[in-house]
Amino acid sequence: MEPGHWPSEHSDALRDYFLKGMSYAEIGRQINGRFGTAYTRNAVAGRAKRLGLAAPARMTSPSIVPSLPSGACLIGPPRPAMPNLNLPPKSAMKPARVKLRCVGVQPRLITLGELGRDDCRYPYGRDKDGEGIAFCGHPRQRSSSYCTPHARLTRKSEAASARVAGPVVLRLISAA
């Protein structure tokens, strides 16, 4: 296949075949046979568009609705479309108010190479392309990779953790 450049004689042949009403695939076959090229149907369609040639009119199939001899039609008039059929609910149209969770810690913003064994590994940065990642760097909790405020931030809420904290105990009760 040729790259994006079409010689003028190829473009002229495309115009001639297009004006004869040939499809893009047939035009491609004719040009490829005539000039020894390997243009695809899509390449021909793209070149025709760049040359300002309109797409060939699509053929429409005949109506499949039977008609009566009197000219009446068996199908009634079209019903009006239901309003708001494809619209999301009004609650989705309102801007969402998201409460962000944050902690009052001033991070040390140290790099990965400077990060010590007992330093908090909570990441900061990467809001923009090319921005590096830094870490909190405060002393971490004994059983966590994060300092106390960041550990609380990353855990589930206390109410949610209390619901699934223990096993469920079932008792058998005799029926009266």
Protein backbone atom coordinates (compact mmCIF):
# COMPACT_ATOMS: atom_id res chain seq x y z
CA MET A 1 0.00 0.00 0.00
CA GLU A 2 1.21 3.47 -0.80
CA PRO A 3 1.72 5.94 2.05
CA GLY A 4 -0.44 9.08 2.31
CA HIS A 5 0.81 10.61 -0.96
CA TRP A 6 -1.26 9.92 -4.09
CA PRO A 7 0.21 10.82 -7.48
CA SER A 8 -1.99 13.16 -9.53
CA GLU A 9 -2.84 10.49 -12.14
CA HIS A 10 -4.20 8.26 -9.35
CA SER A 11 -6.34 11.11 -8.02
CA ASP A 12 -7.59 11.89 -11.54
CA ALA A 13 -8.53 8.24 -12.03
CA LEU A 14 -10.37 8.30 -8.70
CA ARG A 15 -12.37 11.35 -9.85
CA ASP A 16 -13.25 9.69 -13.17
CA TYR A 17 -14.37 6.42 -11.57
CA PHE A 18 -16.28 8.31 -8.88
CA LEU A 19 -18.19 10.32 -11.48
CA LYS A 20 -19.13 7.03 -13.18
CA GLY A 21 -20.88 6.04 -9.93
CA MET A 22 -18.53 3.25 -8.86
CA SER A 23 -18.23 2.20 -5.21
CA TYR A 24 -15.05 2.94 -3.26
CA ALA A 25 -14.12 -0.76 -3.26
CA GLU A 26 -14.54 -1.01 -7.04
CA ILE A 27 -12.59 2.23 -7.56
CA GLY A 28 -9.77 0.78 -5.45
CA ARG A 29 -9.73 -2.43 -7.51
CA GLN A 30 -9.66 -0.46 -10.78
CA ILE A 31 -6.86 1.86 -9.65
CA ASN A 32 -4.83 -1.04 -8.21
CA GLY A 33 -5.20 -3.02 -11.44
CA ARG A 34 -4.35 -0.04 -13.63
CA PHE A 35 -1.35 1.32 -11.68
CA GLY A 36 -0.14 -1.75 -9.75
CA THR A 37 -0.90 -0.23 -6.34
CA ALA A 38 -2.58 -1.69 -3.26
CA TYR A 39 -5.06 0.98 -2.14
CA THR A 40 -7.77 -0.22 0.23
CA ARG A 41 -11.40 0.82 0.09
CA ASN A 42 -10.83 3.02 3.14
CA ALA A 43 -7.82 4.69 1.50
CA VAL A 44 -9.93 5.47 -1.56
CA ALA A 45 -12.78 6.81 0.61
CA GLY A 46 -10.38 9.01 2.58
CA ARG A 47 -8.75 10.37 -0.57
CA ALA A 48 -12.17 11.06 -2.11
CA LYS A 49 -13.18 12.97 1.01
CA ARG A 50 -9.97 15.03 0.89
CA LEU A 51 -10.62 15.78 -2.79
CA GLY A 52 -14.07 17.09 -1.83
CA LEU A 53 -16.03 14.36 -3.56
CA ALA A 54 -19.37 13.52 -1.96
CA ALA A 55 -20.05 9.98 -0.85
CA PRO A 56 -22.12 7.96 -3.30
CA ALA A 57 -25.82 7.98 -2.51
CA ARG A 58 -26.88 4.96 -0.54
CA MET A 59 -29.51 2.78 -2.05
CA THR A 60 -32.69 2.47 -0.05
CA SER A 61 -34.67 -0.70 0.10
CA PRO A 62 -38.31 -0.73 -0.93
CA SER A 63 -40.89 -0.43 1.78
CA ILE A 64 -41.83 -3.66 3.52
CA VAL A 65 -45.18 -2.34 4.68
CA PRO A 66 -47.94 -3.86 2.57
CA SER A 67 -50.34 -1.42 1.05
CA LEU A 68 -54.00 -1.99 0.38
CA PRO A 69 -55.48 -1.41 -3.06
CA SER A 70 -57.31 1.64 -1.76
CA GLY A 71 -53.97 3.20 -0.77
CA ALA A 72 -54.64 2.79 2.96
CA CYS A 73 -51.89 1.46 5.15
CA LEU A 74 -52.17 -1.33 7.73
CA ILE A 75 -49.90 0.45 10.20
CA GLY A 76 -51.24 3.40 12.15
CA PRO A 77 -49.58 6.78 12.42
CA PRO A 78 -46.37 6.93 14.43
CA ARG A 79 -46.79 7.59 18.13
CA PRO A 80 -45.08 10.63 19.59
CA ALA A 81 -41.88 9.88 21.43
CA MET A 82 -42.09 9.79 25.18
CA PRO A 83 -40.52 12.90 26.68
CA ASN A 84 -37.52 12.38 28.93
CA LEU A 85 -37.14 8.81 27.72
CA ASN A 86 -33.34 8.93 27.54
CA LEU A 87 -32.68 11.55 30.19
CA PRO A 88 -31.04 10.63 33.50
CA PRO A 89 -32.99 11.30 36.70
CA LYS A 90 -32.99 14.86 38.04
CA SER A 91 -30.88 13.81 41.01
CA ALA A 92 -28.08 12.87 38.61
CA MET A 93 -28.22 16.30 36.98
CA LYS A 94 -27.31 18.09 40.23
CA PRO A 95 -23.61 18.56 40.97
CA ALA A 96 -22.45 16.04 43.54
CA ARG A 97 -21.08 17.33 46.81
CA VAL A 98 -18.29 15.04 47.84
CA LYS A 99 -16.87 15.40 51.29
CA LEU A 100 -13.15 14.80 51.04
CA ARG A 101 -11.36 13.25 53.95
CA CYS A 102 -8.09 14.80 54.96
CA VAL A 103 -5.75 14.94 57.93
CA GLY A 104 -3.97 17.84 59.55
CA VAL A 105 -0.44 16.57 58.97
CA GLN A 106 2.28 18.64 57.38
CA PRO A 107 4.12 15.98 55.33
CA ARG A 108 7.90 16.00 55.12
CA LEU A 109 7.65 15.23 51.36
CA ILE A 110 10.67 13.00 51.10
CA THR A 111 11.62 10.94 48.04
CA LEU A 112 11.64 7.16 47.84
CA GLY A 113 15.42 7.10 48.18
CA GLU A 114 15.28 9.15 51.40
CA LEU A 115 12.43 7.08 52.86
CA GLY A 116 13.55 5.26 55.99
CA ARG A 117 12.37 1.93 57.35
CA ASP A 118 10.11 3.49 59.98
CA ASP A 119 8.80 6.40 57.88
CA CYS A 120 5.17 6.84 56.77
CA ARG A 121 4.71 5.73 53.16
CA TYR A 122 1.57 7.76 52.41
CA PRO A 123 2.13 9.16 48.88
CA TYR A 124 1.77 12.79 47.79
CA GLY A 125 2.00 14.26 44.32
CA ARG A 126 1.31 13.01 40.78
CA ASP A 127 -1.57 15.46 40.32
CA LYS A 128 0.00 16.65 37.07
CA ASP A 129 1.98 14.85 34.40
CA GLY A 130 5.67 14.89 35.16
CA GLU A 131 5.20 15.66 38.86
CA GLY A 132 7.15 13.29 41.07
CA ILE A 133 5.82 11.32 44.02
CA ALA A 134 6.87 12.22 47.55
CA PHE A 135 5.98 10.53 50.82
CA CYS A 136 4.75 11.76 54.21
CA GLY A 137 7.88 10.63 56.09
CA HIS A 138 6.57 10.99 59.68
CA PRO A 139 7.15 8.04 62.04
CA ARG A 140 4.79 5.21 61.14
CA GLN A 141 2.63 3.10 63.42
CA ARG A 142 4.03 -0.21 64.55
CA SER A 143 1.54 -2.37 62.63
CA SER A 144 1.05 -0.12 59.61
CA SER A 145 2.91 1.47 56.73
CA TYR A 146 1.40 4.83 57.68
CA CYS A 147 1.60 7.34 60.52
CA THR A 148 -1.41 7.48 62.89
CA PRO A 149 -3.40 10.16 60.99
CA HIS A 150 -2.83 8.53 57.60
CA ALA A 151 -3.65 5.07 58.99
CA ARG A 152 -7.01 6.42 60.22
CA LEU A 153 -7.60 8.03 56.83
CA THR A 154 -7.06 4.79 54.94
CA ARG A 155 -9.16 2.57 57.22
CA LYS A 156 -12.91 2.06 56.99
CA SER A 157 -15.06 4.15 59.25
CA GLU A 158 -15.45 2.92 62.82
CA ALA A 159 -19.18 2.17 62.31
CA ALA A 160 -18.53 0.09 59.22
CA SER A 161 -15.75 -1.89 60.88
CA ALA A 162 -17.89 -2.50 63.98
CA ARG A 163 -20.63 -4.12 61.89
CA VAL A 164 -18.34 -6.80 60.52
CA ALA A 165 -15.98 -7.04 63.47
CA GLY A 166 -17.13 -10.29 65.06
CA PRO A 167 -18.67 -13.58 64.03
CA VAL A 168 -22.42 -14.06 64.02
CA VAL A 169 -23.67 -16.39 66.73
CA LEU A 170 -26.87 -18.34 66.09
CA ARG A 171 -28.94 -20.02 68.82
CA LEU A 172 -31.53 -22.73 68.43
CA ILE A 173 -34.85 -21.94 70.10
CA SER A 174 -37.50 -24.56 70.73
CA ALA A 175 -40.80 -23.87 69.02
CA ALA A 176 -43.90 -23.76 71.24
